[in-house]
Amino acid sequence: MQGLLTCWLLAVTVQGTLVSAQNERKEPGQVKQDTKKERSFEMRVVGGRAISNPELGGYIIAMRYFDIFACGGTLIHDRIVLSAAHCFINREVNQYWVLSGGISSLNETGEERKIKDVITSPNFSQENLDFDVAVILLDKPLVGKNIAKLSLCTTELKVGMQLDVSGWGHTKEGASLENNLRTVTVPYIDRDTCRESYRFTEVNITDNMICAGVLGSKDACLFDSGGPLVYQQEICGIVSFGIGCARKDYPGVYTDVKFMKPFIEQSIQDLLSRLE
């Protein structure tokens, strides 16, 4: 199961040196023969379009570690950003993180904040990325031009509902990091169908996960991890993992924000209480 860890975008920075955590990928037909190597997961925006941060809604956050872009996040309170727990694997030192709001391009600075504290679920599994959520406390309120917040999901998603996933990730497998923000609209895929898609792999689609995508054409991609899956101004998913980008057999997998909402709300309360 160790290969699963590479589902994250991970480019781990160690003392200023960028180390790629991405393993070799194999075609889906080879999954049964060597699933440990196949589990080279990525998260991503494929088949979408460029968009400005104000047009998107101003809620997406660019997260850098050692000044290198690592993950996306979502502003849900002036002091709170929601992202994926796997973004913090081998990136545990809060002082090396810088989060930027209000930017459309990674070449922009925007409003920058440091991380004061982070809570991840004690049930988070590096083996299968279950409970893949991180609640982040900023050192100062994040407010300013082109910056806005999203609400946590209250909607019971149904098959065919259209959601928007956004980020600065790759536009296809093997592509380079995108400097400009992109977004794509993808349909919700029910959990049973998603489980069937992954049944010949080691992936376990749990009740904490939801799936979305247009198989073969629309998906998230590498370096979109931690970013938002949005339905009508509510964050309903957090980019977590998948096999490849927009492959015909595997939809993207996201942390189910509605399912995780009690944990997220309690974490927000705990973090804000530390400011008192």
C-alpha atoms as a PDB file:
ATOM      1  CA  MET A   1       0.000   0.000   0.000  1.00  0.00           C
ATOM      2  CA  GLN A   2       2.987   2.297   0.274  1.00  0.00           C
ATOM      3  CA  GLY A   3       2.593   3.374  -3.353  1.00  0.00           C
ATOM      4  CA  LEU A   4      -0.688   5.049  -2.417  1.00  0.00           C
ATOM      5  CA  LEU A   5       1.230   7.834  -0.753  1.00  0.00           C
ATOM      6  CA  THR A   6       2.229   9.158  -4.136  1.00  0.00           C
ATOM      7  CA  CYS A   7      -1.368   9.987  -4.950  1.00  0.00           C
ATOM      8  CA  TRP A   8      -0.683  13.378  -3.570  1.00  0.00           C
ATOM      9  CA  LEU A   9       1.000  15.860  -5.736  1.00  0.00           C
ATOM     10  CA  LEU A  10       3.870  15.428  -3.410  1.00  0.00           C
ATOM     11  CA  ALA A  11       6.941  17.253  -4.295  1.00  0.00           C
ATOM     12  CA  VAL A  12       8.578  17.176  -0.898  1.00  0.00           C
ATOM     13  CA  THR A  13      11.074  19.845  -0.042  1.00  0.00           C
ATOM     14  CA  VAL A  14      13.931  18.803   2.191  1.00  0.00           C
ATOM     15  CA  GLN A  15      16.263  21.590   3.328  1.00  0.00           C
ATOM     16  CA  GLY A  16      15.437  23.582   0.224  1.00  0.00           C
ATOM     17  CA  THR A  17      15.853  20.670  -2.211  1.00  0.00           C
ATOM     18  CA  LEU A  18      12.821  19.540  -4.198  1.00  0.00           C
ATOM     19  CA  VAL A  19      12.365  15.787  -4.086  1.00  0.00           C
ATOM     20  CA  SER A  20       9.695  14.219  -6.276  1.00  0.00           C
ATOM     21  CA  ALA A  21       7.538  11.636  -4.536  1.00  0.00           C
ATOM     22  CA  GLN A  22       5.846  10.521  -7.724  1.00  0.00           C
ATOM     23  CA  ASN A  23       6.367   6.845  -8.587  1.00  0.00           C
ATOM     24  CA  GLU A  24       6.265   5.123 -11.960  1.00  0.00           C
ATOM     25  CA  ARG A  25       2.719   4.712 -13.282  1.00  0.00           C
ATOM     26  CA  LYS A  26       1.402   1.635 -15.030  1.00  0.00           C
ATOM     27  CA  GLU A  27      -1.651   1.149 -17.207  1.00  0.00           C
ATOM     28  CA  PRO A  28      -4.862   0.027 -15.472  1.00  0.00           C
ATOM     29  CA  GLY A  29      -4.595  -3.436 -17.000  1.00  0.00           C
ATOM     30  CA  GLN A  30      -1.457  -3.992 -14.960  1.00  0.00           C
ATOM     31  CA  VAL A  31      -3.058  -3.143 -11.649  1.00  0.00           C
ATOM     32  CA  LYS A  32      -3.536  -6.727 -10.479  1.00  0.00           C
ATOM     33  CA  GLN A  33       0.026  -7.674 -11.307  1.00  0.00           C
ATOM     34  CA  ASP A  34       1.650  -4.864  -9.362  1.00  0.00           C
ATOM     35  CA  THR A  35      -0.853  -2.692  -7.528  1.00  0.00           C
ATOM     36  CA  LYS A  36       1.743  -1.233  -5.182  1.00  0.00           C
ATOM     37  CA  LYS A  37       3.550   0.495  -8.049  1.00  0.00           C
ATOM     38  CA  GLU A  38       0.297   1.309  -9.857  1.00  0.00           C
ATOM     39  CA  ARG A  39      -0.920   3.395  -6.958  1.00  0.00           C
ATOM     40  CA  SER A  40       0.851   6.439  -8.275  1.00  0.00           C
ATOM     41  CA  PHE A  41      -2.030   8.782  -7.643  1.00  0.00           C
ATOM     42  CA  GLU A  42      -2.287  12.389  -8.704  1.00  0.00           C
ATOM     43  CA  MET A  43      -4.728  15.252  -8.381  1.00  0.00           C
ATOM     44  CA  ARG A  44      -5.281  17.680 -11.142  1.00  0.00           C
ATOM     45  CA  VAL A  45      -7.370  20.035 -13.476  1.00  0.00           C
ATOM     46  CA  VAL A  46      -7.824  18.450 -16.928  1.00  0.00           C
ATOM     47  CA  GLY A  47     -10.269  19.507 -19.641  1.00  0.00           C
ATOM     48  CA  GLY A  48     -11.096  22.848 -18.056  1.00  0.00           C
ATOM     49  CA  ARG A  49     -10.369  26.499 -18.741  1.00  0.00           C
ATOM     50  CA  ALA A  50      -8.311  29.338 -17.369  1.00  0.00           C
ATOM     51  CA  ILE A  51     -10.133  31.552 -14.878  1.00  0.00           C
ATOM     52  CA  SER A  52      -9.302  34.571 -12.741  1.00  0.00           C
ATOM     53  CA  ASN A  53      -9.581  34.360  -8.983  1.00  0.00           C
ATOM     54  CA  PRO A  54     -12.294  37.075  -8.837  1.00  0.00           C
ATOM     55  CA  GLU A  55     -14.330  35.235 -11.488  1.00  0.00           C
ATOM     56  CA  LEU A  56     -13.978  31.983  -9.560  1.00  0.00           C
ATOM     57  CA  GLY A  57     -15.114  33.618  -6.332  1.00  0.00           C
ATOM     58  CA  GLY A  58     -11.922  34.515  -4.470  1.00  0.00           C
ATOM     59  CA  TYR A  59     -11.928  31.516  -2.119  1.00  0.00           C
ATOM     60  CA  ILE A  60      -9.044  29.430  -3.442  1.00  0.00           C
ATOM     61  CA  ILE A  61      -5.680  29.559  -1.650  1.00  0.00           C
ATOM     62  CA  ALA A  62      -2.219  28.750  -2.998  1.00  0.00           C
ATOM     63  CA  MET A  63      -0.070  26.918  -0.431  1.00  0.00           C
ATOM     64  CA  ARG A  64       3.733  26.987  -0.693  1.00  0.00           C
ATOM     65  CA  TYR A  65       6.308  25.098   1.349  1.00  0.00           C
ATOM     66  CA  PHE A  66       9.899  26.385   1.275  1.00  0.00           C
ATOM     67  CA  ASP A  67       8.599  28.853  -1.370  1.00  0.00           C
ATOM     68  CA  ILE A  68       7.606  25.978  -3.680  1.00  0.00           C
ATOM     69  CA  PHE A  69       3.950  25.537  -4.631  1.00  0.00           C
ATOM     70  CA  ALA A  70       2.575  22.392  -2.984  1.00  0.00           C
ATOM     71  CA  CYS A  71      -1.214  22.361  -2.586  1.00  0.00           C
ATOM     72  CA  GLY A  72      -4.445  24.233  -2.905  1.00  0.00           C
ATOM     73  CA  GLY A  73      -6.755  25.209  -0.077  1.00  0.00           C
ATOM     74  CA  THR A  74     -10.084  26.917   0.560  1.00  0.00           C
ATOM     75  CA  LEU A  75     -10.796  29.897   2.791  1.00  0.00           C
ATOM     76  CA  ILE A  76     -13.822  29.119   4.991  1.00  0.00           C
ATOM     77  CA  HIS A  77     -13.228  31.738   7.739  1.00  0.00           C
ATOM     78  CA  ASP A  78     -10.981  34.802   7.932  1.00  0.00           C
ATOM     79  CA  ARG A  79      -8.525  32.707   9.959  1.00  0.00           C
ATOM     80  CA  ILE A  80      -9.273  29.186   8.656  1.00  0.00           C
ATOM     81  CA  VAL A  81      -8.241  27.340   5.484  1.00  0.00           C
ATOM     82  CA  LEU A  82      -9.450  23.850   4.574  1.00  0.00           C
ATOM     83  CA  SER A  83      -7.081  21.512   2.720  1.00  0.00           C
ATOM     84  CA  ALA A  84      -5.953  17.874   2.564  1.00  0.00           C
ATOM     85  CA  ALA A  85      -4.076  16.114   5.357  1.00  0.00           C
ATOM     86  CA  HIS A  86      -1.742  14.446   2.864  1.00  0.00           C
ATOM     87  CA  CYS A  87      -0.352  17.870   1.928  1.00  0.00           C
ATOM     88  CA  PHE A  88       1.418  17.887   5.309  1.00  0.00           C
ATOM     89  CA  ILE A  89       3.162  14.532   4.981  1.00  0.00           C
ATOM     90  CA  ASN A  90       6.897  15.345   5.273  1.00  0.00           C
ATOM     91  CA  ARG A  91       5.904  19.018   5.469  1.00  0.00           C
ATOM     92  CA  GLU A  92       5.184  19.335   9.174  1.00  0.00           C
ATOM     93  CA  VAL A  93       7.088  22.551   9.984  1.00  0.00           C
ATOM     94  CA  ASN A  94       4.471  25.320  10.087  1.00  0.00           C
ATOM     95  CA  GLN A  95       6.972  28.171   9.745  1.00  0.00           C
ATOM     96  CA  TYR A  96       7.993  27.014   6.247  1.00  0.00           C
ATOM     97  CA  TRP A  97       4.454  27.338   4.885  1.00  0.00           C
ATOM     98  CA  VAL A  98       3.153  30.494   3.175  1.00  0.00           C
ATOM     99  CA  LEU A  99      -0.498  30.695   2.056  1.00  0.00           C
ATOM    100  CA  SER A 100      -1.541  33.227  -0.589  1.00  0.00           C
ATOM    101  CA  GLY A 101      -5.041  34.522  -1.241  1.00  0.00           C
ATOM    102  CA  GLY A 102      -6.453  36.661  -4.011  1.00  0.00           C
ATOM    103  CA  ILE A 103      -4.121  35.432  -6.762  1.00  0.00           C
ATOM    104  CA  SER A 104      -4.868  34.073 -10.236  1.00  0.00           C
ATOM    105  CA  SER A 105      -1.263  33.317 -11.171  1.00  0.00           C
ATOM    106  CA  LEU A 106       1.449  31.657  -9.094  1.00  0.00           C
ATOM    107  CA  ASN A 107       3.679  34.536 -10.201  1.00  0.00           C
ATOM    108  CA  GLU A 108       1.563  36.894  -8.072  1.00  0.00           C
ATOM    109  CA  THR A 109       2.048  37.516  -4.374  1.00  0.00           C
ATOM    110  CA  GLY A 110      -1.439  38.465  -3.197  1.00  0.00           C
ATOM    111  CA  GLU A 111      -2.203  38.485   0.521  1.00  0.00           C
ATOM    112  CA  GLU A 112       0.239  36.153   2.278  1.00  0.00           C
ATOM    113  CA  ARG A 113      -0.212  34.474   5.649  1.00  0.00           C
ATOM    114  CA  LYS A 114       1.753  31.979   7.712  1.00  0.00           C
ATOM    115  CA  ILE A 115       0.344  28.903   9.427  1.00  0.00           C
ATOM    116  CA  LYS A 116      -0.161  29.194  13.165  1.00  0.00           C
ATOM    117  CA  ASP A 117      -1.548  25.705  13.732  1.00  0.00           C
ATOM    118  CA  VAL A 118      -3.031  22.699  11.897  1.00  0.00           C
ATOM    119  CA  ILE A 119      -5.454  19.971  12.923  1.00  0.00           C
ATOM    120  CA  THR A 120      -5.700  16.754  10.914  1.00  0.00           C
ATOM    121  CA  SER A 121      -7.966  13.863  11.741  1.00  0.00           C
ATOM    122  CA  PRO A 122      -6.437  11.318  14.146  1.00  0.00           C
ATOM    123  CA  ASN A 123      -8.003   8.730  11.831  1.00  0.00           C
ATOM    124  CA  PHE A 124      -6.119   9.959   8.758  1.00  0.00           C
ATOM    125  CA  SER A 125      -4.491   7.032   6.984  1.00  0.00           C
ATOM    126  CA  GLN A 126      -1.384   7.458   4.849  1.00  0.00           C
ATOM    127  CA  GLU A 127      -2.080   3.982   3.494  1.00  0.00           C
ATOM    128  CA  ASN A 128      -5.454   4.682   1.866  1.00  0.00           C
ATOM    129  CA  LEU A 129      -5.890   8.466   2.383  1.00  0.00           C
ATOM    130  CA  ASP A 130      -9.051   8.002   4.410  1.00  0.00           C
ATOM    131  CA  PHE A 131     -10.064  11.068   6.497  1.00  0.00           C
ATOM    132  CA  ASP A 132      -7.902  13.236   4.212  1.00  0.00           C
ATOM    133  CA  VAL A 133      -8.674  16.643   5.705  1.00  0.00           C
ATOM    134  CA  ALA A 134      -6.630  19.410   7.314  1.00  0.00           C
ATOM    135  CA  VAL A 135      -8.039  22.449   9.125  1.00  0.00           C
ATOM    136  CA  ILE A 136      -5.498  25.273   9.168  1.00  0.00           C
ATOM    137  CA  LEU A 137      -5.305  28.280  11.482  1.00  0.00           C
ATOM    138  CA  LEU A 138      -3.670  31.355   9.928  1.00  0.00           C
ATOM    139  CA  ASP A 139      -1.436  33.707  11.877  1.00  0.00           C
ATOM    140  CA  LYS A 140      -3.600  36.694  10.878  1.00  0.00           C
ATOM    141  CA  PRO A 141      -7.023  37.169   9.273  1.00  0.00           C
ATOM    142  CA  LEU A 142      -6.923  36.777   5.503  1.00  0.00           C
ATOM    143  CA  VAL A 143      -8.907  39.638   4.036  1.00  0.00           C
ATOM    144  CA  GLY A 144      -8.346  41.915   1.072  1.00  0.00           C
ATOM    145  CA  LYS A 145      -9.010  42.432  -2.611  1.00  0.00           C
ATOM    146  CA  ASN A 146     -10.390  39.402  -4.493  1.00  0.00           C
ATOM    147  CA  ILE A 147     -10.606  37.333  -1.298  1.00  0.00           C
ATOM    148  CA  ALA A 148     -13.835  35.634  -0.198  1.00  0.00           C
ATOM    149  CA  LYS A 149     -14.968  32.547   1.718  1.00  0.00           C
ATOM    150  CA  LEU A 150     -16.988  29.418   1.041  1.00  0.00           C
ATOM    151  CA  SER A 151     -19.487  27.711   3.312  1.00  0.00           C
ATOM    152  CA  LEU A 152     -19.209  24.059   4.283  1.00  0.00           C
ATOM    153  CA  CYS A 153     -21.385  21.669   2.301  1.00  0.00           C
ATOM    154  CA  THR A 154     -25.012  21.217   3.344  1.00  0.00           C
ATOM    155  CA  THR A 155     -26.158  19.578   0.105  1.00  0.00           C
ATOM    156  CA  GLU A 156     -26.878  15.876  -0.324  1.00  0.00           C
ATOM    157  CA  LEU A 157     -25.124  15.258  -3.625  1.00  0.00           C
ATOM    158  CA  LYS A 158     -26.944  13.236  -6.258  1.00  0.00           C
ATOM    159  CA  VAL A 159     -25.802  11.564  -9.458  1.00  0.00           C
ATOM    160  CA  GLY A 160     -25.270  14.053 -12.262  1.00  0.00           C
ATOM    161  CA  MET A 161     -25.015  17.162 -10.082  1.00  0.00           C
ATOM    162  CA  GLN A 162     -22.366  19.456 -11.565  1.00  0.00           C
ATOM    163  CA  LEU A 163     -19.494  20.644  -9.362  1.00  0.00           C
ATOM    164  CA  ASP A 164     -16.472  22.848 -10.026  1.00  0.00           C
ATOM    165  CA  VAL A 165     -12.917  21.815  -9.175  1.00  0.00           C
ATOM    166  CA  SER A 166     -10.125  24.369  -9.500  1.00  0.00           C
ATOM    167  CA  GLY A 167      -6.399  24.714  -9.024  1.00  0.00           C
ATOM    168  CA  TRP A 168      -2.967  25.293 -10.476  1.00  0.00           C
ATOM    169  CA  GLY A 169      -2.306  21.614 -11.242  1.00  0.00           C
ATOM    170  CA  HIS A 170      -1.231  19.878 -14.421  1.00  0.00           C
ATOM    171  CA  THR A 171      -3.590  19.934 -17.418  1.00  0.00           C
ATOM    172  CA  LYS A 172      -2.665  16.367 -18.385  1.00  0.00           C
ATOM    173  CA  GLU A 173      -0.437  13.543 -17.213  1.00  0.00           C
ATOM    174  CA  GLY A 174       3.221  14.421 -17.666  1.00  0.00           C
ATOM    175  CA  ALA A 175       2.543  18.135 -18.192  1.00  0.00           C
ATOM    176  CA  SER A 176       4.192  20.982 -16.312  1.00  0.00           C
ATOM    177  CA  LEU A 177       2.776  22.902 -13.378  1.00  0.00           C
ATOM    178  CA  GLU A 178       0.278  25.562 -14.447  1.00  0.00           C
ATOM    179  CA  ASN A 179       1.066  29.119 -13.369  1.00  0.00           C
ATOM    180  CA  ASN A 180      -2.478  30.235 -14.100  1.00  0.00           C
ATOM    181  CA  LEU A 181      -5.575  29.177 -12.186  1.00  0.00           C
ATOM    182  CA  ARG A 182      -7.890  26.770 -14.006  1.00  0.00           C
ATOM    183  CA  THR A 183     -11.322  25.305 -13.339  1.00  0.00           C
ATOM    184  CA  VAL A 184     -13.398  22.438 -14.717  1.00  0.00           C
ATOM    185  CA  THR A 185     -16.992  21.349 -14.151  1.00  0.00           C
ATOM    186  CA  VAL A 186     -17.433  17.664 -13.327  1.00  0.00           C
ATOM    187  CA  PRO A 187     -20.468  15.525 -12.461  1.00  0.00           C
ATOM    188  CA  TYR A 188     -20.874  13.754  -9.130  1.00  0.00           C
ATOM    189  CA  ILE A 189     -20.476   9.963  -9.397  1.00  0.00           C
ATOM    190  CA  ASP A 190     -22.248   7.795  -6.833  1.00  0.00           C
ATOM    191  CA  ARG A 191     -20.093   5.851  -4.396  1.00  0.00           C
ATOM    192  CA  ASP A 192     -21.101   2.383  -5.622  1.00  0.00           C
ATOM    193  CA  THR A 193     -20.170   3.235  -9.201  1.00  0.00           C
ATOM    194  CA  CYS A 194     -16.871   4.679  -8.009  1.00  0.00           C
ATOM    195  CA  ARG A 195     -16.118   1.556  -5.967  1.00  0.00           C
ATOM    196  CA  GLU A 196     -16.791  -0.547  -9.029  1.00  0.00           C
ATOM    197  CA  SER A 197     -14.326   1.557 -11.048  1.00  0.00           C
ATOM    198  CA  TYR A 198     -11.575   0.878  -8.512  1.00  0.00           C
ATOM    199  CA  ARG A 199     -12.455  -2.739  -7.656  1.00  0.00           C
ATOM    200  CA  PHE A 200      -9.401  -4.264  -9.371  1.00  0.00           C
ATOM    201  CA  THR A 201      -7.016  -1.956  -7.521  1.00  0.00           C
ATOM    202  CA  GLU A 202      -6.023  -1.702  -3.872  1.00  0.00           C
ATOM    203  CA  VAL A 203      -8.115   1.449  -3.514  1.00  0.00           C
ATOM    204  CA  ASN A 204     -10.823   1.347  -0.853  1.00  0.00           C
ATOM    205  CA  ILE A 205     -13.507   3.976  -1.467  1.00  0.00           C
ATOM    206  CA  THR A 206     -14.807   4.686   2.030  1.00  0.00           C
ATOM    207  CA  ASP A 207     -17.835   6.620   3.290  1.00  0.00           C
ATOM    208  CA  ASN A 208     -15.494   9.591   3.851  1.00  0.00           C
ATOM    209  CA  MET A 209     -14.892   9.905   0.107  1.00  0.00           C
ATOM    210  CA  ILE A 210     -16.864  11.107  -2.895  1.00  0.00           C
ATOM    211  CA  CYS A 211     -16.068  10.804  -6.587  1.00  0.00           C
ATOM    212  CA  ALA A 212     -16.502  13.090  -9.569  1.00  0.00           C
ATOM    213  CA  GLY A 213     -15.266  13.488 -13.119  1.00  0.00           C
ATOM    214  CA  VAL A 214     -15.944  12.858 -16.790  1.00  0.00           C
ATOM    215  CA  LEU A 215     -14.018   9.658 -17.455  1.00  0.00           C
ATOM    216  CA  GLY A 216     -11.380  10.186 -20.115  1.00  0.00           C
ATOM    217  CA  SER A 217     -11.734  13.963 -20.378  1.00  0.00           C
ATOM    218  CA  LYS A 218     -12.397  16.015 -17.219  1.00  0.00           C
ATOM    219  CA  ASP A 219     -10.638  15.669 -13.881  1.00  0.00           C
ATOM    220  CA  ALA A 220      -8.291  17.312 -11.411  1.00  0.00           C
ATOM    221  CA  CYS A 221      -4.522  16.571 -11.770  1.00  0.00           C
ATOM    222  CA  LEU A 222      -1.117  16.645 -10.092  1.00  0.00           C
ATOM    223  CA  PHE A 223      -0.704  19.680  -7.776  1.00  0.00           C
ATOM    224  CA  ASP A 224      -4.458  20.292  -7.388  1.00  0.00           C
ATOM    225  CA  SER A 225      -4.401  18.360  -4.093  1.00  0.00           C
ATOM    226  CA  GLY A 226      -6.168  20.040  -1.195  1.00  0.00           C
ATOM    227  CA  GLY A 227      -8.194  22.279  -3.474  1.00  0.00           C
ATOM    228  CA  PRO A 228     -11.984  22.702  -3.497  1.00  0.00           C
ATOM    229  CA  LEU A 229     -14.767  20.769  -5.190  1.00  0.00           C
ATOM    230  CA  VAL A 230     -17.630  23.272  -5.122  1.00  0.00           C
ATOM    231  CA  TYR A 231     -21.403  23.108  -5.483  1.00  0.00           C
ATOM    232  CA  GLN A 232     -23.322  26.396  -5.427  1.00  0.00           C
ATOM    233  CA  GLN A 233     -20.827  28.297  -3.264  1.00  0.00           C
ATOM    234  CA  GLU A 234     -20.352  25.418  -0.841  1.00  0.00           C
ATOM    235  CA  ILE A 235     -17.213  23.320  -0.563  1.00  0.00           C
ATOM    236  CA  CYS A 236     -18.388  19.724  -0.834  1.00  0.00           C
ATOM    237  CA  GLY A 237     -15.095  17.981  -1.594  1.00  0.00           C
ATOM    238  CA  ILE A 238     -11.349  18.301  -1.061  1.00  0.00           C
ATOM    239  CA  VAL A 239      -9.080  17.073  -3.862  1.00  0.00           C
ATOM    240  CA  SER A 240      -7.520  13.877  -2.511  1.00  0.00           C
ATOM    241  CA  PHE A 241      -6.390  11.229  -5.035  1.00  0.00           C
ATOM    242  CA  GLY A 242      -6.958   9.225  -8.207  1.00  0.00           C
ATOM    243  CA  ILE A 243      -5.062   7.038 -10.642  1.00  0.00           C
ATOM    244  CA  GLY A 244      -3.530   9.176 -13.374  1.00  0.00           C
ATOM    245  CA  CYS A 245      -5.421  12.183 -14.722  1.00  0.00           C
ATOM    246  CA  ALA A 246      -8.769  11.920 -16.527  1.00  0.00           C
ATOM    247  CA  ARG A 247      -8.235   8.260 -17.357  1.00  0.00           C
ATOM    248  CA  LYS A 248     -11.194   6.417 -18.873  1.00  0.00           C
ATOM    249  CA  ASP A 249     -11.414   3.934 -15.990  1.00  0.00           C
ATOM    250  CA  TYR A 250     -10.894   6.007 -12.831  1.00  0.00           C
ATOM    251  CA  PRO A 251     -12.784   9.066 -11.547  1.00  0.00           C
ATOM    252  CA  GLY A 252     -11.179  11.550  -9.176  1.00  0.00           C
ATOM    253  CA  VAL A 253     -11.610  10.918  -5.461  1.00  0.00           C
ATOM    254  CA  TYR A 254     -12.323  13.684  -2.951  1.00  0.00           C
ATOM    255  CA  THR A 255     -12.755  13.939   0.804  1.00  0.00           C
ATOM    256  CA  ASP A 256     -16.483  14.202   1.561  1.00  0.00           C
ATOM    257  CA  VAL A 257     -16.828  17.543   3.365  1.00  0.00           C
ATOM    258  CA  LYS A 258     -20.453  16.999   4.383  1.00  0.00           C
ATOM    259  CA  PHE A 259     -19.537  13.670   5.998  1.00  0.00           C
ATOM    260  CA  MET A 260     -16.519  15.247   7.708  1.00  0.00           C
ATOM    261  CA  LYS A 261     -18.384  18.402   8.706  1.00  0.00           C
ATOM    262  CA  PRO A 262     -18.684  17.615  12.459  1.00  0.00           C
ATOM    263  CA  PHE A 263     -14.919  17.077  12.679  1.00  0.00           C
ATOM    264  CA  ILE A 264     -14.207  20.228  10.651  1.00  0.00           C
ATOM    265  CA  GLU A 265     -16.531  22.397  12.754  1.00  0.00           C
ATOM    266  CA  GLN A 266     -15.079  21.076  16.017  1.00  0.00           C
ATOM    267  CA  SER A 267     -11.558  21.700  14.717  1.00  0.00           C
ATOM    268  CA  ILE A 268     -12.466  25.282  13.788  1.00  0.00           C
ATOM    269  CA  GLN A 269     -13.824  25.843  17.287  1.00  0.00           C
ATOM    270  CA  ASP A 270     -10.709  24.356  18.877  1.00  0.00           C
ATOM    271  CA  LEU A 271      -8.346  26.407  16.730  1.00  0.00           C
ATOM    272  CA  LEU A 272     -10.145  29.701  17.259  1.00  0.00           C
ATOM    273  CA  SER A 273     -10.245  29.097  21.011  1.00  0.00           C
ATOM    274  CA  ARG A 274      -6.435  29.068  20.977  1.00  0.00           C
ATOM    275  CA  LEU A 275      -6.541  32.749  19.988  1.00  0.00           C
ATOM    276  CA  GLU A 276      -8.341  33.756  23.163  1.00  0.00           C
END
